[in-house]
Amino acid sequence: MSAPILDLASLAALNDFDANHRARLIGAYYGHYEVPFNADEFYDAIKLVRLLSYFWALAFGSADEASENVADFADSMVAMLR
């Protein structure tokens, strides 16, 4: 079972959500319940997901056609990490 912060961070990271979109996502998920993390912790989780995605792309790249897509994905994760 995954922690909701990781699921939400994955969605935000892979879709390059800005601060406004991240706040709306958290609000939509938690509604009137207390959010168990703050904005900085959420942003740290997003950076972690991007970093893991980058290494996943590097690890699973190969010399075939699919590797170009993986390389493009890795490049997009690097751009988001900056």
PDB file of N, CA and C in Angstrom:
ATOM      1  N   MET A   1       0.834  -1.163   0.000  1.00  0.00           N
ATOM      2  CA  MET A   1       0.000   0.000   0.000  1.00  0.00           C
ATOM      3  C   MET A   1       0.892   1.242   0.000  1.00  0.00           C
ATOM      4  N   SER A   2       0.563   2.177  -0.831  1.00  0.00           N
ATOM      5  CA  SER A   2       1.345   3.398  -0.971  1.00  0.00           C
ATOM      6  C   SER A   2       0.763   4.517  -0.109  1.00  0.00           C
ATOM      7  N   ALA A   3       1.638   5.386   0.329  1.00  0.00           N
ATOM      8  CA  ALA A   3       1.182   6.579   1.050  1.00  0.00           C
ATOM      9  C   ALA A   3       0.590   7.554   0.039  1.00  0.00           C
ATOM     10  N   PRO A   4      -0.513   8.192   0.375  1.00  0.00           N
ATOM     11  CA  PRO A   4      -1.133   9.140  -0.574  1.00  0.00           C
ATOM     12  C   PRO A   4      -0.179  10.221  -1.064  1.00  0.00           C
ATOM     13  N   ILE A   5       0.767  10.647  -0.230  1.00  0.00           N
ATOM     14  CA  ILE A   5       1.683  11.694  -0.673  1.00  0.00           C
ATOM     15  C   ILE A   5       2.476  11.232  -1.901  1.00  0.00           C
ATOM     16  N   LEU A   6       2.823   9.963  -1.961  1.00  0.00           N
ATOM     17  CA  LEU A   6       3.580   9.462  -3.109  1.00  0.00           C
ATOM     18  C   LEU A   6       2.718   9.387  -4.361  1.00  0.00           C
ATOM     19  N   ASP A   7       1.489   8.971  -4.214  1.00  0.00           N
ATOM     20  CA  ASP A   7       0.580   8.939  -5.360  1.00  0.00           C
ATOM     21  C   ASP A   7       0.341  10.348  -5.891  1.00  0.00           C
ATOM     22  N   LEU A   8       0.072  11.276  -4.996  1.00  0.00           N
ATOM     23  CA  LEU A   8      -0.182  12.656  -5.394  1.00  0.00           C
ATOM     24  C   LEU A   8       1.080  13.295  -5.978  1.00  0.00           C
ATOM     25  N   ALA A   9       2.234  13.007  -5.379  1.00  0.00           N
ATOM     26  CA  ALA A   9       3.498  13.543  -5.883  1.00  0.00           C
ATOM     27  C   ALA A   9       3.804  12.996  -7.274  1.00  0.00           C
ATOM     28  N   SER A  10       3.491  11.730  -7.502  1.00  0.00           N
ATOM     29  CA  SER A  10       3.705  11.149  -8.830  1.00  0.00           C
ATOM     30  C   SER A  10       2.857  11.858  -9.874  1.00  0.00           C
ATOM     31  N   LEU A  11       1.603  12.071  -9.557  1.00  0.00           N
ATOM     32  CA  LEU A  11       0.715  12.769 -10.478  1.00  0.00           C
ATOM     33  C   LEU A  11       1.224  14.180 -10.758  1.00  0.00           C
ATOM     34  N   ALA A  12       1.618  14.879  -9.716  1.00  0.00           N
ATOM     35  CA  ALA A  12       2.100  16.250  -9.877  1.00  0.00           C
ATOM     36  C   ALA A  12       3.442  16.299 -10.613  1.00  0.00           C
ATOM     37  N   ALA A  13       4.330  15.362 -10.305  1.00  0.00           N
ATOM     38  CA  ALA A  13       5.662  15.355 -10.918  1.00  0.00           C
ATOM     39  C   ALA A  13       5.603  15.033 -12.405  1.00  0.00           C
ATOM     40  N   LEU A  14       4.865  14.004 -12.749  1.00  0.00           N
ATOM     41  CA  LEU A  14       4.855  13.554 -14.141  1.00  0.00           C
ATOM     42  C   LEU A  14       4.019  14.444 -15.049  1.00  0.00           C
ATOM     43  N   ASN A  15       3.254  15.350 -14.449  1.00  0.00           N
ATOM     44  CA  ASN A  15       2.467  16.301 -15.233  1.00  0.00           C
ATOM     45  C   ASN A  15       2.954  17.729 -15.049  1.00  0.00           C
ATOM     46  N   ASP A  16       4.088  17.887 -14.368  1.00  0.00           N
ATOM     47  CA  ASP A  16       4.739  19.178 -14.168  1.00  0.00           C
ATOM     48  C   ASP A  16       3.788  20.235 -13.606  1.00  0.00           C
ATOM     49  N   PHE A  17       3.068  19.849 -12.543  1.00  0.00           N
ATOM     50  CA  PHE A  17       2.129  20.775 -11.901  1.00  0.00           C
ATOM     51  C   PHE A  17       2.879  21.947 -11.269  1.00  0.00           C
ATOM     52  N   ASP A  18       2.341  23.148 -11.404  1.00  0.00           N
ATOM     53  CA  ASP A  18       2.899  24.301 -10.702  1.00  0.00           C
ATOM     54  C   ASP A  18       2.284  24.353  -9.302  1.00  0.00           C
ATOM     55  N   ALA A  19       2.685  25.359  -8.511  1.00  0.00           N
ATOM     56  CA  ALA A  19       2.231  25.445  -7.121  1.00  0.00           C
ATOM     57  C   ALA A  19       0.711  25.523  -7.017  1.00  0.00           C
ATOM     58  N   ASN A  20       0.079  26.254  -7.919  1.00  0.00           N
ATOM     59  CA  ASN A  20      -1.378  26.377  -7.904  1.00  0.00           C
ATOM     60  C   ASN A  20      -2.048  25.030  -8.177  1.00  0.00           C
ATOM     61  N   HIS A  21      -1.557  24.309  -9.171  1.00  0.00           N
ATOM     62  CA  HIS A  21      -2.124  22.996  -9.481  1.00  0.00           C
ATOM     63  C   HIS A  21      -1.907  22.013  -8.339  1.00  0.00           C
ATOM     64  N   ARG A  22      -0.730  22.097  -7.705  1.00  0.00           N
ATOM     65  CA  ARG A  22      -0.450  21.204  -6.569  1.00  0.00           C
ATOM     66  C   ARG A  22      -1.418  21.474  -5.425  1.00  0.00           C
ATOM     67  N   ALA A  23      -1.666  22.749  -5.142  1.00  0.00           N
ATOM     68  CA  ALA A  23      -2.599  23.101  -4.064  1.00  0.00           C
ATOM     69  C   ALA A  23      -4.009  22.618  -4.382  1.00  0.00           C
ATOM     70  N   ARG A  24      -4.428  22.749  -5.630  1.00  0.00           N
ATOM     71  CA  ARG A  24      -5.760  22.291  -6.026  1.00  0.00           C
ATOM     72  C   ARG A  24      -5.865  20.768  -5.941  1.00  0.00           C
ATOM     73  N   LEU A  25      -4.788  20.070  -6.307  1.00  0.00           N
ATOM     74  CA  LEU A  25      -4.766  18.609  -6.224  1.00  0.00           C
ATOM     75  C   LEU A  25      -4.921  18.154  -4.773  1.00  0.00           C
ATOM     76  N   ILE A  26      -4.144  18.757  -3.893  1.00  0.00           N
ATOM     77  CA  ILE A  26      -4.222  18.388  -2.478  1.00  0.00           C
ATOM     78  C   ILE A  26      -5.611  18.699  -1.920  1.00  0.00           C
ATOM     79  N   GLY A  27      -6.148  19.856  -2.280  1.00  0.00           N
ATOM     80  CA  GLY A  27      -7.483  20.225  -1.827  1.00  0.00           C
ATOM     81  C   GLY A  27      -8.549  19.268  -2.322  1.00  0.00           C
ATOM     82  N   ALA A  28      -8.422  18.851  -3.567  1.00  0.00           N
ATOM     83  CA  ALA A  28      -9.400  17.916  -4.129  1.00  0.00           C
ATOM     84  C   ALA A  28      -9.300  16.548  -3.461  1.00  0.00           C
ATOM     85  N   TYR A  29      -8.088  16.127  -3.131  1.00  0.00           N
ATOM     86  CA  TYR A  29      -7.910  14.811  -2.523  1.00  0.00           C
ATOM     87  C   TYR A  29      -8.372  14.797  -1.067  1.00  0.00           C
ATOM     88  N   TYR A  30      -7.931  15.780  -0.290  1.00  0.00           N
ATOM     89  CA  TYR A  30      -8.212  15.762   1.141  1.00  0.00           C
ATOM     90  C   TYR A  30      -9.516  16.444   1.525  1.00  0.00           C
ATOM     91  N   GLY A  31     -10.013  17.310   0.659  1.00  0.00           N
ATOM     92  CA  GLY A  31     -11.271  17.986   0.973  1.00  0.00           C
ATOM     93  C   GLY A  31     -11.185  18.739   2.291  1.00  0.00           C
ATOM     94  N   HIS A  32     -12.095  18.432   3.200  1.00  0.00           N
ATOM     95  CA  HIS A  32     -12.117  19.136   4.496  1.00  0.00           C
ATOM     96  C   HIS A  32     -11.266  18.450   5.564  1.00  0.00           C
ATOM     97  N   TYR A  33     -10.605  17.327   5.201  1.00  0.00           N
ATOM     98  CA  TYR A  33      -9.739  16.637   6.163  1.00  0.00           C
ATOM     99  C   TYR A  33      -8.387  17.337   6.273  1.00  0.00           C
ATOM    100  N   GLU A  34      -7.724  17.139   7.393  1.00  0.00           N
ATOM    101  CA  GLU A  34      -6.402  17.733   7.603  1.00  0.00           C
ATOM    102  C   GLU A  34      -5.372  17.073   6.682  1.00  0.00           C
ATOM    103  N   VAL A  35      -4.555  17.884   6.042  1.00  0.00           N
ATOM    104  CA  VAL A  35      -3.489  17.379   5.166  1.00  0.00           C
ATOM    105  C   VAL A  35      -2.306  17.007   6.054  1.00  0.00           C
ATOM    106  N   PRO A  36      -1.796  15.757   5.935  1.00  0.00           N
ATOM    107  CA  PRO A  36      -0.747  15.300   6.853  1.00  0.00           C
ATOM    108  C   PRO A  36       0.673  15.728   6.470  1.00  0.00           C
ATOM    109  N   PHE A  37       0.807  16.665   5.569  1.00  0.00           N
ATOM    110  CA  PHE A  37       2.120  17.167   5.169  1.00  0.00           C
ATOM    111  C   PHE A  37       1.951  18.619   4.733  1.00  0.00           C
ATOM    112  N   ASN A  38       3.079  19.356   4.731  1.00  0.00           N
ATOM    113  CA  ASN A  38       3.011  20.752   4.296  1.00  0.00           C
ATOM    114  C   ASN A  38       3.493  20.874   2.848  1.00  0.00           C
ATOM    115  N   ALA A  39       3.420  22.068   2.293  1.00  0.00           N
ATOM    116  CA  ALA A  39       3.763  22.289   0.887  1.00  0.00           C
ATOM    117  C   ALA A  39       5.225  21.955   0.596  1.00  0.00           C
ATOM    118  N   ASP A  40       6.121  22.261   1.535  1.00  0.00           N
ATOM    119  CA  ASP A  40       7.543  21.951   1.327  1.00  0.00           C
ATOM    120  C   ASP A  40       7.787  20.450   1.291  1.00  0.00           C
ATOM    121  N   GLU A  41       7.141  19.719   2.180  1.00  0.00           N
ATOM    122  CA  GLU A  41       7.282  18.255   2.188  1.00  0.00           C
ATOM    123  C   GLU A  41       6.716  17.664   0.893  1.00  0.00           C
ATOM    124  N   PHE A  42       5.614  18.213   0.420  1.00  0.00           N
ATOM    125  CA  PHE A  42       5.023  17.732  -0.826  1.00  0.00           C
ATOM    126  C   PHE A  42       5.960  17.997  -2.001  1.00  0.00           C
ATOM    127  N   TYR A  43       6.560  19.182  -2.030  1.00  0.00           N
ATOM    128  CA  TYR A  43       7.486  19.502  -3.110  1.00  0.00           C
ATOM    129  C   TYR A  43       8.719  18.601  -3.051  1.00  0.00           C
ATOM    130  N   ASP A  44       9.191  18.287  -1.855  1.00  0.00           N
ATOM    131  CA  ASP A  44      10.309  17.347  -1.715  1.00  0.00           C
ATOM    132  C   ASP A  44       9.934  15.971  -2.267  1.00  0.00           C
ATOM    133  N   ALA A  45       8.711  15.525  -2.008  1.00  0.00           N
ATOM    134  CA  ALA A  45       8.256  14.234  -2.530  1.00  0.00           C
ATOM    135  C   ALA A  45       8.182  14.280  -4.055  1.00  0.00           C
ATOM    136  N   ILE A  46       7.769  15.398  -4.611  1.00  0.00           N
ATOM    137  CA  ILE A  46       7.716  15.548  -6.069  1.00  0.00           C
ATOM    138  C   ILE A  46       9.118  15.452  -6.655  1.00  0.00           C
ATOM    139  N   LYS A  47      10.089  16.126  -6.036  1.00  0.00           N
ATOM    140  CA  LYS A  47      11.470  16.048  -6.526  1.00  0.00           C
ATOM    141  C   LYS A  47      11.996  14.622  -6.434  1.00  0.00           C
ATOM    142  N   LEU A  48      11.636  13.918  -5.369  1.00  0.00           N
ATOM    143  CA  LEU A  48      12.052  12.522  -5.214  1.00  0.00           C
ATOM    144  C   LEU A  48      11.474  11.653  -6.327  1.00  0.00           C
ATOM    145  N   VAL A  49      10.201  11.831  -6.632  1.00  0.00           N
ATOM    146  CA  VAL A  49       9.561  11.054  -7.705  1.00  0.00           C
ATOM    147  C   VAL A  49      10.243  11.345  -9.043  1.00  0.00           C
ATOM    148  N   ARG A  50      10.557  12.604  -9.302  1.00  0.00           N
ATOM    149  CA  ARG A  50      11.241  12.954 -10.551  1.00  0.00           C
ATOM    150  C   ARG A  50      12.612  12.305 -10.624  1.00  0.00           C
ATOM    151  N   LEU A  51      13.331  12.313  -9.521  1.00  0.00           N
ATOM    152  CA  LEU A  51      14.652  11.697  -9.480  1.00  0.00           C
ATOM    153  C   LEU A  51      14.556  10.187  -9.700  1.00  0.00           C
ATOM    154  N   LEU A  52      13.615   9.543  -9.024  1.00  0.00           N
ATOM    155  CA  LEU A  52      13.422   8.100  -9.210  1.00  0.00           C
ATOM    156  C   LEU A  52      13.016   7.787 -10.650  1.00  0.00           C
ATOM    157  N   SER A  53      12.182   8.626 -11.231  1.00  0.00           N
ATOM    158  CA  SER A  53      11.755   8.427 -12.617  1.00  0.00           C
ATOM    159  C   SER A  53      12.936   8.541 -13.566  1.00  0.00           C
ATOM    160  N   TYR A  54      13.816   9.483 -13.295  1.00  0.00           N
ATOM    161  CA  TYR A  54      15.006   9.658 -14.117  1.00  0.00           C
ATOM    162  C   TYR A  54      15.877   8.405 -14.066  1.00  0.00           C
ATOM    163  N   PHE A  55      16.150   7.910 -12.864  1.00  0.00           N
ATOM    164  CA  PHE A  55      16.986   6.711 -12.745  1.00  0.00           C
ATOM    165  C   PHE A  55      16.296   5.477 -13.317  1.00  0.00           C
ATOM    166  N   TRP A  56      14.975   5.401 -13.183  1.00  0.00           N
ATOM    167  CA  TRP A  56      14.237   4.296 -13.793  1.00  0.00           C
ATOM    168  C   TRP A  56      14.429   4.327 -15.304  1.00  0.00           C
ATOM    169  N   ALA A  57      14.314   5.494 -15.894  1.00  0.00           N
ATOM    170  CA  ALA A  57      14.467   5.630 -17.339  1.00  0.00           C
ATOM    171  C   ALA A  57      15.874   5.247 -17.776  1.00  0.00           C
ATOM    172  N   LEU A  58      16.876   5.646 -17.021  1.00  0.00           N
ATOM    173  CA  LEU A  58      18.248   5.276 -17.361  1.00  0.00           C
ATOM    174  C   LEU A  58      18.474   3.772 -17.235  1.00  0.00           C
ATOM    175  N   ALA A  59      17.925   3.187 -16.192  1.00  0.00           N
ATOM    176  CA  ALA A  59      18.139   1.766 -15.933  1.00  0.00           C
ATOM    177  C   ALA A  59      17.472   0.878 -16.974  1.00  0.00           C
ATOM    178  N   PHE A  60      16.337   1.307 -17.519  1.00  0.00           N
ATOM    179  CA  PHE A  60      15.598   0.468 -18.441  1.00  0.00           C
ATOM    180  C   PHE A  60      15.786   0.838 -19.898  1.00  0.00           C
ATOM    181  N   GLY A  61      16.664   1.788 -20.179  1.00  0.00           N
ATOM    182  CA  GLY A  61      16.955   2.147 -21.558  1.00  0.00           C
ATOM    183  C   GLY A  61      17.784   1.053 -22.216  1.00  0.00           C
ATOM    184  N   SER A  62      17.585   0.865 -23.509  1.00  0.00           N
ATOM    185  CA  SER A  62      18.374  -0.107 -24.262  1.00  0.00           C
ATOM    186  C   SER A  62      18.638   0.449 -25.653  1.00  0.00           C
ATOM    187  N   ALA A  63      19.210  -0.347 -26.529  1.00  0.00           N
ATOM    188  CA  ALA A  63      19.630   0.128 -27.848  1.00  0.00           C
ATOM    189  C   ALA A  63      18.556  -0.037 -28.916  1.00  0.00           C
ATOM    190  N   ASP A  64      17.314  -0.114 -28.560  1.00  0.00           N
ATOM    191  CA  ASP A  64      16.254  -0.266 -29.557  1.00  0.00           C
ATOM    192  C   ASP A  64      15.413   1.000 -29.667  1.00  0.00           C
ATOM    193  N   GLU A  65      14.343   0.930 -30.440  1.00  0.00           N
ATOM    194  CA  GLU A  65      13.490   2.090 -30.673  1.00  0.00           C
ATOM    195  C   GLU A  65      12.884   2.643 -29.384  1.00  0.00           C
ATOM    196  N   ALA A  66      12.526   1.767 -28.470  1.00  0.00           N
ATOM    197  CA  ALA A  66      11.914   2.203 -27.213  1.00  0.00           C
ATOM    198  C   ALA A  66      12.880   3.044 -26.390  1.00  0.00           C
ATOM    199  N   SER A  67      14.175   2.812 -26.567  1.00  0.00           N
ATOM    200  CA  SER A  67      15.134   3.566 -25.759  1.00  0.00           C
ATOM    201  C   SER A  67      15.117   5.052 -26.096  1.00  0.00           C
ATOM    202  N   GLU A  68      14.730   5.406 -27.319  1.00  0.00           N
ATOM    203  CA  GLU A  68      14.622   6.828 -27.656  1.00  0.00           C
ATOM    204  C   GLU A  68      13.522   7.482 -26.824  1.00  0.00           C
ATOM    205  N   ASN A  69      12.400   6.774 -26.668  1.00  0.00           N
ATOM    206  CA  ASN A  69      11.318   7.294 -25.836  1.00  0.00           C
ATOM    207  C   ASN A  69      11.760   7.391 -24.376  1.00  0.00           C
ATOM    208  N   VAL A  70      12.494   6.388 -23.915  1.00  0.00           N
ATOM    209  CA  VAL A  70      12.993   6.392 -22.538  1.00  0.00           C
ATOM    210  C   VAL A  70      13.985   7.536 -22.352  1.00  0.00           C
ATOM    211  N   ALA A  71      14.847   7.745 -23.345  1.00  0.00           N
ATOM    212  CA  ALA A  71      15.817   8.841 -23.257  1.00  0.00           C
ATOM    213  C   ALA A  71      15.105  10.192 -23.230  1.00  0.00           C
ATOM    214  N   ASP A  72      14.077  10.342 -24.038  1.00  0.00           N
ATOM    215  CA  ASP A  72      13.295  11.583 -24.025  1.00  0.00           C
ATOM    216  C   ASP A  72      12.650  11.797 -22.658  1.00  0.00           C
ATOM    217  N   PHE A  73      12.122  10.708 -22.085  1.00  0.00           N
ATOM    218  CA  PHE A  73      11.510  10.791 -20.757  1.00  0.00           C
ATOM    219  C   PHE A  73      12.556  11.198 -19.724  1.00  0.00           C
ATOM    220  N   ALA A  74      13.733  10.574 -19.779  1.00  0.00           N
ATOM    221  CA  ALA A  74      14.804  10.907 -18.835  1.00  0.00           C
ATOM    222  C   ALA A  74      15.191  12.375 -18.975  1.00  0.00           C
ATOM    223  N   ASP A  75      15.297  12.850 -20.213  1.00  0.00           N
ATOM    224  CA  ASP A  75      15.629  14.260 -20.439  1.00  0.00           C
ATOM    225  C   ASP A  75      14.575  15.189 -19.854  1.00  0.00           C
ATOM    226  N   SER A  76      13.308  14.810 -19.981  1.00  0.00           N
ATOM    227  CA  SER A  76      12.241  15.655 -19.431  1.00  0.00           C
ATOM    228  C   SER A  76      12.306  15.672 -17.900  1.00  0.00           C
ATOM    229  N   MET A  77      12.683  14.550 -17.288  1.00  0.00           N
ATOM    230  CA  MET A  77      12.818  14.519 -15.831  1.00  0.00           C
ATOM    231  C   MET A  77      13.994  15.388 -15.390  1.00  0.00           C
ATOM    232  N   VAL A  78      15.100  15.368 -16.146  1.00  0.00           N
ATOM    233  CA  VAL A  78      16.242  16.209 -15.813  1.00  0.00           C
ATOM    234  C   VAL A  78      15.836  17.677 -15.882  1.00  0.00           C
ATOM    235  N   ALA A  79      15.095  18.043 -16.919  1.00  0.00           N
ATOM    236  CA  ALA A  79      14.651  19.436 -17.056  1.00  0.00           C
ATOM    237  C   ALA A  79      13.785  19.861 -15.880  1.00  0.00           C
ATOM    238  N   MET A  80      12.929  18.973 -15.399  1.00  0.00           N
ATOM    239  CA  MET A  80      12.060  19.304 -14.273  1.00  0.00           C
ATOM    240  C   MET A  80      12.820  19.353 -12.954  1.00  0.00           C
ATOM    241  N   LEU A  81      13.933  18.621 -12.866  1.00  0.00           N
ATOM    242  CA  LEU A  81      14.711  18.612 -11.629  1.00  0.00           C
ATOM    243  C   LEU A  81      15.503  19.899 -11.435  1.00  0.00           C
ATOM    244  N   ARG A  82      15.740  20.617 -12.510  1.00  0.00           N
ATOM    245  CA  ARG A  82      16.542  21.855 -12.414  1.00  0.00           C
ATOM    246  C   ARG A  82      15.800  22.949 -11.746  1.00  0.00           C
TER     247      ARG A  82
END
